[in-house]
C-alpha atoms as a PDB file:
ATOM      1  CA  MET A   1     -35.133  18.866  29.295  1.00  0.00           C
ATOM      2  CA  GLN A   2     -33.290  15.807  28.053  1.00  0.00           C
ATOM      3  CA  HIS A   3     -29.804  16.590  26.716  1.00  0.00           C
ATOM      4  CA  GLU A   4     -30.239  20.355  27.212  1.00  0.00           C
ATOM      5  CA  LYS A   5     -26.813  22.012  27.145  1.00  0.00           C
ATOM      6  CA  VAL A   6     -25.544  23.538  30.381  1.00  0.00           C
ATOM      7  CA  LEU A   7     -22.243  25.350  30.867  1.00  0.00           C
ATOM      8  CA  ILE A   8     -20.591  25.422  34.291  1.00  0.00           C
ATOM      9  CA  VAL A   9     -18.155  28.299  34.766  1.00  0.00           C
ATOM     10  CA  GLU A  10     -16.104  27.471  37.852  1.00  0.00           C
ATOM     11  CA  ASP A  11     -12.369  28.041  38.268  1.00  0.00           C
ATOM     12  CA  ASP A  12     -11.967  25.255  40.838  1.00  0.00           C
ATOM     13  CA  LYS A  13     -11.727  22.018  38.844  1.00  0.00           C
ATOM     14  CA  ALA A  14     -12.720  19.831  41.815  1.00  0.00           C
ATOM     15  CA  ILE A  15     -15.847  21.898  42.544  1.00  0.00           C
ATOM     16  CA  GLY A  16     -16.744  21.875  38.858  1.00  0.00           C
ATOM     17  CA  GLN A  17     -16.533  18.080  38.777  1.00  0.00           C
ATOM     18  CA  LEU A  18     -18.602  17.844  41.963  1.00  0.00           C
ATOM     19  CA  ILE A  19     -21.342  19.970  40.378  1.00  0.00           C
ATOM     20  CA  ILE A  20     -21.306  17.785  37.271  1.00  0.00           C
ATOM     21  CA  THR A  21     -21.807  14.736  39.519  1.00  0.00           C
ATOM     22  CA  GLN A  22     -24.669  16.467  41.357  1.00  0.00           C
ATOM     23  CA  LEU A  23     -26.422  17.180  38.051  1.00  0.00           C
ATOM     24  CA  GLU A  24     -26.146  13.659  36.625  1.00  0.00           C
ATOM     25  CA  PRO A  25     -29.785  12.765  37.517  1.00  0.00           C
ATOM     26  CA  LEU A  26     -31.013  15.572  35.197  1.00  0.00           C
ATOM     27  CA  ASN A  27     -29.568  13.885  32.086  1.00  0.00           C
ATOM     28  CA  LEU A  28     -28.007  17.078  30.745  1.00  0.00           C
ATOM     29  CA  HIS A  29     -25.182  17.721  28.314  1.00  0.00           C
ATOM     30  CA  ILE A  30     -22.715  19.538  30.578  1.00  0.00           C
ATOM     31  CA  ASP A  31     -19.545  21.441  29.705  1.00  0.00           C
ATOM     32  CA  HIS A  32     -17.172  22.907  32.256  1.00  0.00           C
ATOM     33  CA  VAL A  33     -14.715  25.780  31.813  1.00  0.00           C
ATOM     34  CA  GLU A  34     -12.509  27.503  34.379  1.00  0.00           C
ATOM     35  CA  SER A  35     -12.549  31.125  33.181  1.00  0.00           C
ATOM     36  CA  ALA A  36     -14.856  33.765  31.731  1.00  0.00           C
ATOM     37  CA  GLU A  37     -12.718  33.990  28.596  1.00  0.00           C
ATOM     38  CA  LEU A  38     -13.122  30.276  27.869  1.00  0.00           C
ATOM     39  CA  ALA A  39     -16.836  30.560  28.629  1.00  0.00           C
ATOM     40  CA  LEU A  40     -17.293  33.266  25.981  1.00  0.00           C
ATOM     41  CA  LYS A  41     -15.548  31.081  23.403  1.00  0.00           C
ATOM     42  CA  LYS A  42     -17.811  28.140  24.274  1.00  0.00           C
ATOM     43  CA  ILE A  43     -20.961  30.245  24.113  1.00  0.00           C
ATOM     44  CA  THR A  44     -20.191  31.427  20.573  1.00  0.00           C
ATOM     45  CA  LYS A  45     -19.872  27.816  19.377  1.00  0.00           C
ATOM     46  CA  HIS A  46     -22.665  26.026  21.262  1.00  0.00           C
ATOM     47  CA  SER A  47     -26.341  26.663  22.014  1.00  0.00           C
ATOM     48  CA  TYR A  48     -26.570  26.578  25.791  1.00  0.00           C
ATOM     49  CA  GLY A  49     -29.856  26.680  27.609  1.00  0.00           C
ATOM     50  CA  LEU A  50     -28.336  27.621  30.947  1.00  0.00           C
ATOM     51  CA  ILE A  51     -25.067  28.833  32.455  1.00  0.00           C
ATOM     52  CA  LEU A  52     -24.179  28.143  36.074  1.00  0.00           C
ATOM     53  CA  LEU A  53     -21.783  30.964  36.800  1.00  0.00           C
ATOM     54  CA  ASP A  54     -19.486  31.391  39.781  1.00  0.00           C
ATOM     55  CA  ILE A  55     -18.988  35.063  40.647  1.00  0.00           C
ATOM     56  CA  ASN A  56     -15.398  34.740  41.880  1.00  0.00           C
ATOM     57  CA  LEU A  57     -13.448  34.055  38.691  1.00  0.00           C
ATOM     58  CA  PRO A  58      -9.889  35.103  37.795  1.00  0.00           C
ATOM     59  CA  HIS A  59      -9.334  37.974  35.362  1.00  0.00           C
ATOM     60  CA  MET A  60     -12.923  38.734  34.229  1.00  0.00           C
ATOM     61  CA  ASP A  61     -15.293  38.193  37.182  1.00  0.00           C
ATOM     62  CA  GLY A  62     -18.629  36.434  36.977  1.00  0.00           C
ATOM     63  CA  LEU A  63     -20.699  39.615  37.220  1.00  0.00           C
ATOM     64  CA  SER A  64     -18.954  41.109  34.178  1.00  0.00           C
ATOM     65  CA  LEU A  65     -19.425  37.859  32.285  1.00  0.00           C
ATOM     66  CA  CYS A  66     -23.108  37.817  33.205  1.00  0.00           C
ATOM     67  CA  ARG A  67     -23.538  41.298  31.742  1.00  0.00           C
ATOM     68  CA  LYS A  68     -21.837  40.272  28.484  1.00  0.00           C
ATOM     69  CA  ILE A  69     -23.944  37.128  28.171  1.00  0.00           C
ATOM     70  CA  LYS A  70     -27.212  38.970  28.701  1.00  0.00           C
ATOM     71  CA  GLU A  71     -26.234  41.727  26.264  1.00  0.00           C
ATOM     72  CA  HIS A  72     -25.660  39.274  23.416  1.00  0.00           C
ATOM     73  CA  TYR A  73     -27.650  36.169  24.427  1.00  0.00           C
ATOM     74  CA  PRO A  74     -30.609  37.382  26.509  1.00  0.00           C
ATOM     75  CA  THR A  75     -32.536  34.090  26.307  1.00  0.00           C
ATOM     76  CA  ILE A  76     -29.780  32.018  27.922  1.00  0.00           C
ATOM     77  CA  ALA A  77     -30.666  31.482  31.577  1.00  0.00           C
ATOM     78  CA  VAL A  78     -27.933  32.457  34.033  1.00  0.00           C
ATOM     79  CA  ILE A  79     -27.779  31.205  37.615  1.00  0.00           C
ATOM     80  CA  LEU A  80     -25.121  32.900  39.731  1.00  0.00           C
ATOM     81  CA  VAL A  81     -23.210  30.979  42.389  1.00  0.00           C
ATOM     82  CA  THR A  82     -22.536  33.355  45.279  1.00  0.00           C
ATOM     83  CA  SER A  83     -21.195  33.263  48.812  1.00  0.00           C
ATOM     84  CA  LEU A  84     -23.779  33.172  51.575  1.00  0.00           C
ATOM     85  CA  ASN A  85     -22.944  36.687  52.842  1.00  0.00           C
ATOM     86  CA  SER A  86     -22.511  38.408  49.444  1.00  0.00           C
ATOM     87  CA  ASP A  87     -25.869  40.209  49.308  1.00  0.00           C
ATOM     88  CA  MET A  88     -24.466  43.031  47.175  1.00  0.00           C
ATOM     89  CA  ASP A  89     -23.199  40.549  44.576  1.00  0.00           C
ATOM     90  CA  LYS A  90     -26.665  38.992  44.424  1.00  0.00           C
ATOM     91  CA  VAL A  91     -28.355  42.339  43.846  1.00  0.00           C
ATOM     92  CA  ILE A  92     -25.808  43.486  41.253  1.00  0.00           C
ATOM     93  CA  GLY A  93     -26.014  40.144  39.480  1.00  0.00           C
ATOM     94  CA  LEU A  94     -29.795  40.317  39.215  1.00  0.00           C
ATOM     95  CA  GLU A  95     -29.566  43.894  37.976  1.00  0.00           C
ATOM     96  CA  MET A  96     -27.168  42.704  35.267  1.00  0.00           C
ATOM     97  CA  GLY A  97     -29.745  40.199  34.065  1.00  0.00           C
ATOM     98  CA  ALA A  98     -29.109  37.001  36.012  1.00  0.00           C
ATOM     99  CA  ASP A  99     -32.242  34.891  36.265  1.00  0.00           C
ATOM    100  CA  ASP A 100     -31.498  33.392  39.671  1.00  0.00           C
ATOM    101  CA  TYR A 101     -28.755  32.781  42.209  1.00  0.00           C
ATOM    102  CA  ILE A 102     -27.774  30.025  44.594  1.00  0.00           C
ATOM    103  CA  CYS A 103     -25.582  30.411  47.685  1.00  0.00           C
ATOM    104  CA  LYS A 104     -22.604  28.277  48.647  1.00  0.00           C
ATOM    105  CA  PRO A 105     -22.735  25.795  50.204  1.00  0.00           C
ATOM    106  CA  PHE A 106     -25.823  24.314  48.539  1.00  0.00           C
ATOM    107  CA  PHE A 107     -27.546  20.948  48.468  1.00  0.00           C
ATOM    108  CA  SER A 108     -27.657  19.039  45.200  1.00  0.00           C
ATOM    109  CA  ARG A 109     -31.465  18.892  45.249  1.00  0.00           C
ATOM    110  CA  GLU A 110     -31.751  22.660  45.562  1.00  0.00           C
ATOM    111  CA  LEU A 111     -29.346  23.125  42.651  1.00  0.00           C
ATOM    112  CA  GLN A 112     -31.274  20.599  40.561  1.00  0.00           C
ATOM    113  CA  ALA A 113     -34.566  22.364  41.347  1.00  0.00           C
ATOM    114  CA  ARG A 114     -33.178  25.776  40.353  1.00  0.00           C
ATOM    115  CA  ILE A 115     -31.823  24.430  37.075  1.00  0.00           C
ATOM    116  CA  LYS A 116     -35.021  22.552  36.249  1.00  0.00           C
ATOM    117  CA  THR A 117     -37.056  25.718  36.832  1.00  0.00           C
ATOM    118  CA  GLN A 118     -34.935  27.808  34.478  1.00  0.00           C
ATOM    119  CA  LEU A 119     -34.800  25.112  31.801  1.00  0.00           C
ATOM    120  CA  ARG A 120     -38.570  24.753  32.035  1.00  0.00           C
ATOM    121  CA  HIS A 121     -38.854  28.470  31.238  1.00  0.00           C
ATOM    122  CA  ARG A 122     -36.627  27.916  28.231  1.00  0.00           C
ATOM    123  CA  ALA A 123     -38.700  24.941  27.056  1.00  0.00           C
ATOM    124  CA  GLN A 124     -41.843  27.072  27.307  1.00  0.00           C
ATOM    125  CA  LEU A 125     -40.160  29.765  25.245  1.00  0.00           C
ATOM    126  CA  LEU A 126     -39.152  27.310  22.516  1.00  0.00           C
ATOM    127  CA  ALA A 127     -42.631  25.777  22.526  1.00  0.00           C
ATOM    128  CA  ALA A 128     -44.185  29.229  22.113  1.00  0.00           C
ATOM    129  CA  ASN A 129     -41.951  29.956  19.138  1.00  0.00           C
ATOM    130  CA  PHE A 130     -42.803  26.765  17.282  1.00  0.00           C
ATOM    131  CA  LYS A 131     -46.286  25.842  18.458  1.00  0.00           C
ATOM    132  CA  GLU A 132     -47.985  28.069  15.896  1.00  0.00           C
ATOM    133  CA  THR A 133     -46.661  25.888  13.073  1.00  0.00           C
ATOM    134  CA  GLU A 134     -48.286  22.810  14.633  1.00  0.00           C
ATOM    135  CA  THR A 135     -51.616  23.834  16.182  1.00  0.00           C
ATOM    136  CA  PRO A 136     -53.542  27.064  16.653  1.00  0.00           C
ATOM    137  CA  THR A 137     -52.855  28.763  19.976  1.00  0.00           C
ATOM    138  CA  THR A 138     -55.429  30.405  22.194  1.00  0.00           C
ATOM    139  CA  GLU A 139     -53.115  33.255  23.162  1.00  0.00           C
ATOM    140  CA  HIS A 140     -50.974  34.881  20.500  1.00  0.00           C
ATOM    141  CA  ALA A 141     -50.591  38.321  22.046  1.00  0.00           C
ATOM    142  CA  ILE A 142     -51.734  40.711  24.754  1.00  0.00           C
ATOM    143  CA  GLN A 143     -52.440  44.357  23.921  1.00  0.00           C
ATOM    144  CA  LEU A 144     -52.731  46.842  26.776  1.00  0.00           C
ATOM    145  CA  GLY A 145     -52.688  50.393  25.484  1.00  0.00           C
ATOM    146  CA  SER A 146     -49.271  51.020  23.985  1.00  0.00           C
ATOM    147  CA  LEU A 147     -47.900  47.721  25.342  1.00  0.00           C
ATOM    148  CA  GLN A 148     -47.975  44.663  23.095  1.00  0.00           C
ATOM    149  CA  ILE A 149     -46.695  41.231  24.149  1.00  0.00           C
ATOM    150  CA  GLU A 150     -46.188  38.726  21.313  1.00  0.00           C
ATOM    151  CA  PHE A 151     -45.993  35.157  22.596  1.00  0.00           C
ATOM    152  CA  THR A 152     -45.123  33.416  19.337  1.00  0.00           C
ATOM    153  CA  SER A 153     -42.080  35.631  18.748  1.00  0.00           C
ATOM    154  CA  HIS A 154     -41.418  36.173  22.482  1.00  0.00           C
ATOM    155  CA  GLN A 155     -41.163  39.917  21.880  1.00  0.00           C
ATOM    156  CA  VAL A 156     -42.493  42.972  23.691  1.00  0.00           C
ATOM    157  CA  TYR A 157     -43.246  46.356  22.096  1.00  0.00           C
ATOM    158  CA  LEU A 158     -43.950  49.613  23.899  1.00  0.00           C
ATOM    159  CA  ALA A 159     -45.254  52.419  21.681  1.00  0.00           C
ATOM    160  CA  ASN A 160     -44.088  50.281  18.712  1.00  0.00           C
ATOM    161  CA  LYS A 161     -40.545  50.141  20.074  1.00  0.00           C
ATOM    162  CA  ALA A 162     -39.087  46.678  20.715  1.00  0.00           C
ATOM    163  CA  LEU A 163     -37.816  46.027  24.246  1.00  0.00           C
ATOM    164  CA  ASN A 164     -34.893  43.741  24.968  1.00  0.00           C
ATOM    165  CA  LEU A 165     -36.136  41.560  27.844  1.00  0.00           C
ATOM    166  CA  THR A 166     -34.644  38.450  29.355  1.00  0.00           C
ATOM    167  CA  ALA A 167     -36.776  35.301  29.480  1.00  0.00           C
ATOM    168  CA  THR A 168     -37.612  35.876  33.149  1.00  0.00           C
ATOM    169  CA  GLU A 169     -38.484  39.535  32.598  1.00  0.00           C
ATOM    170  CA  PHE A 170     -40.771  38.488  29.738  1.00  0.00           C
ATOM    171  CA  ASP A 171     -42.513  35.890  31.938  1.00  0.00           C
ATOM    172  CA  LEU A 172     -42.929  38.401  34.756  1.00  0.00           C
ATOM    173  CA  LEU A 173     -44.395  41.084  32.500  1.00  0.00           C
ATOM    174  CA  ALA A 174     -46.683  38.581  30.788  1.00  0.00           C
ATOM    175  CA  TYR A 175     -48.010  37.428  34.152  1.00  0.00           C
ATOM    176  CA  PHE A 176     -48.792  40.996  35.194  1.00  0.00           C
ATOM    177  CA  ALA A 177     -50.397  41.677  31.800  1.00  0.00           C
ATOM    178  CA  ARG A 178     -52.669  38.651  32.117  1.00  0.00           C
ATOM    179  CA  HIS A 179     -53.916  40.051  35.446  1.00  0.00           C
ATOM    180  CA  PRO A 180     -54.025  43.872  35.125  1.00  0.00           C
ATOM    181  CA  ASN A 181     -54.788  45.783  38.328  1.00  0.00           C
ATOM    182  CA  HIS A 182     -54.371  42.585  40.360  1.00  0.00           C
ATOM    183  CA  VAL A 183     -51.970  43.011  43.298  1.00  0.00           C
ATOM    184  CA  PHE A 184     -49.477  40.185  43.832  1.00  0.00           C
ATOM    185  CA  SER A 185     -47.182  39.700  46.792  1.00  0.00           C
ATOM    186  CA  ARG A 186     -43.526  38.877  46.219  1.00  0.00           C
ATOM    187  CA  GLN A 187     -44.136  35.312  47.387  1.00  0.00           C
ATOM    188  CA  GLN A 188     -47.028  34.874  44.943  1.00  0.00           C
ATOM    189  CA  LEU A 189     -44.810  36.064  42.100  1.00  0.00           C
ATOM    190  CA  LEU A 190     -42.051  33.678  43.183  1.00  0.00           C
ATOM    191  CA  ASP A 191     -44.515  30.783  43.185  1.00  0.00           C
ATOM    192  CA  ARG A 192     -46.243  31.608  39.897  1.00  0.00           C
ATOM    193  CA  VAL A 193     -43.442  33.041  37.741  1.00  0.00           C
ATOM    194  CA  TRP A 194     -40.298  31.405  39.089  1.00  0.00           C
ATOM    195  CA  GLY A 195     -42.080  28.198  40.004  1.00  0.00           C
ATOM    196  CA  TYR A 196     -40.637  27.496  43.443  1.00  0.00           C
ATOM    197  CA  GLN A 197     -41.382  28.482  47.003  1.00  0.00           C
ATOM    198  CA  HIS A 198     -38.654  30.088  49.079  1.00  0.00           C
ATOM    199  CA  SER A 199     -39.420  33.056  51.297  1.00  0.00           C
ATOM    200  CA  GLY A 200     -35.750  34.027  51.379  1.00  0.00           C
ATOM    201  CA  TYR A 201     -35.641  34.944  47.718  1.00  0.00           C
ATOM    202  CA  GLU A 202     -37.880  38.021  47.596  1.00  0.00           C
ATOM    203  CA  HIS A 203     -34.703  39.888  46.575  1.00  0.00           C
ATOM    204  CA  THR A 204     -35.073  38.119  43.225  1.00  0.00           C
ATOM    205  CA  VAL A 205     -38.522  39.611  42.659  1.00  0.00           C
ATOM    206  CA  ASN A 206     -37.469  43.115  43.729  1.00  0.00           C
ATOM    207  CA  SER A 207     -34.459  43.196  41.428  1.00  0.00           C
ATOM    208  CA  HIS A 208     -36.325  41.848  38.403  1.00  0.00           C
ATOM    209  CA  ILE A 209     -39.172  44.319  38.873  1.00  0.00           C
ATOM    210  CA  ASN A 210     -36.731  47.212  39.214  1.00  0.00           C
ATOM    211  CA  ARG A 211     -34.948  46.191  36.028  1.00  0.00           C
ATOM    212  CA  LEU A 212     -38.231  45.634  34.181  1.00  0.00           C
ATOM    213  CA  ARG A 213     -39.470  49.057  35.290  1.00  0.00           C
ATOM    214  CA  ALA A 214     -36.295  50.683  33.989  1.00  0.00           C
ATOM    215  CA  LYS A 215     -36.848  49.160  30.564  1.00  0.00           C
ATOM    216  CA  LEU A 216     -40.560  49.994  30.454  1.00  0.00           C
ATOM    217  CA  GLU A 217     -40.425  53.497  31.863  1.00  0.00           C
ATOM    218  CA  LEU A 218     -37.385  55.018  30.183  1.00  0.00           C
ATOM    219  CA  ASP A 219     -39.398  57.911  28.709  1.00  0.00           C
ATOM    220  CA  HIS A 220     -42.371  57.838  31.059  1.00  0.00           C
ATOM    221  CA  GLN A 221     -43.121  59.711  34.266  1.00  0.00           C
ATOM    222  CA  ALA A 222     -45.576  57.417  36.097  1.00  0.00           C
ATOM    223  CA  PRO A 223     -44.791  53.752  36.827  1.00  0.00           C
ATOM    224  CA  PHE A 224     -46.533  51.020  34.813  1.00  0.00           C
ATOM    225  CA  ILE A 225     -45.796  48.488  37.556  1.00  0.00           C
ATOM    226  CA  GLU A 226     -46.920  50.095  40.790  1.00  0.00           C
ATOM    227  CA  THR A 227     -45.874  49.284  44.328  1.00  0.00           C
ATOM    228  CA  VAL A 228     -48.802  48.742  46.683  1.00  0.00           C
ATOM    229  CA  TRP A 229     -47.085  49.344  49.995  1.00  0.00           C
ATOM    230  CA  GLY A 230     -47.373  46.485  52.453  1.00  0.00           C
ATOM    231  CA  VAL A 231     -48.956  44.222  49.842  1.00  0.00           C
ATOM    232  CA  GLY A 232     -46.959  43.866  46.622  1.00  0.00           C
ATOM    233  CA  TYR A 233     -47.048  44.976  42.983  1.00  0.00           C
ATOM    234  CA  LYS A 234     -49.592  45.437  40.217  1.00  0.00           C
ATOM    235  CA  LEU A 235     -49.668  46.477  36.565  1.00  0.00           C
ATOM    236  CA  ASN A 236     -51.693  49.661  36.061  1.00  0.00           C
ATOM    237  CA  PRO A 237     -53.004  49.498  32.456  1.00  0.00           C
ATOM    238  CA  SER A 238     -54.291  53.083  32.571  1.00  0.00           C
ATOM    239  CA  GLN A 239     -50.682  54.328  32.531  1.00  0.00           C
ATOM    240  CA  LEU A 240     -50.143  52.520  29.226  1.00  0.00           C
ATOM    241  CA  ASN A 241     -52.637  54.809  27.520  1.00  0.00           C
ATOM    242  CA  ASN A 242     -50.689  57.964  28.350  1.00  0.00           C
END
């Protein structure tokens, strides 16, 4: 994680500087901009691993910026900064591809933990892309019917058609694919895919599964990821053969 690039998009200069101070223990390379327009210019010139994005920005809001980032740079992790009572913003943000969110006011340790989790996902992605050139891997791909997950290229194909997934969506699908027909609760998925425990963030799981379903089931009647009411979710591999 050392010297990973992080971009803070926060229109309040004082809050932006406070966040930079809070993140000093992580030894990151941090840039700060005060608008979505400046953020887009920065992103085209630098390789950021993560963007900490305030929703309430002037001109172009944070949700619109999140959508643009995920359309063109799906592997950049995005953490939204929201108000405590803005549940709709959280849901919309996750539907637009955000990987996580944190509510104001927040403690520095919580912010550090969220950022470390997302950057760890990115490090795993980079390791998967380059590990094959160094040592043989035990898991190159998973094939379940018409679904193929390629770990070295971090790509997913359904009926030979490439799907555009974010890093978190890829990790979630891969976890289901490693355990077909196994039912997981939302909390189990939070612990094992996101890597932290917080019972208040089941919204994150729901939104990511809904978005993943939409991408998987565009031309399909039955769901690949099924809801087991009162328990959780599972991947039904039999649907992938249809």
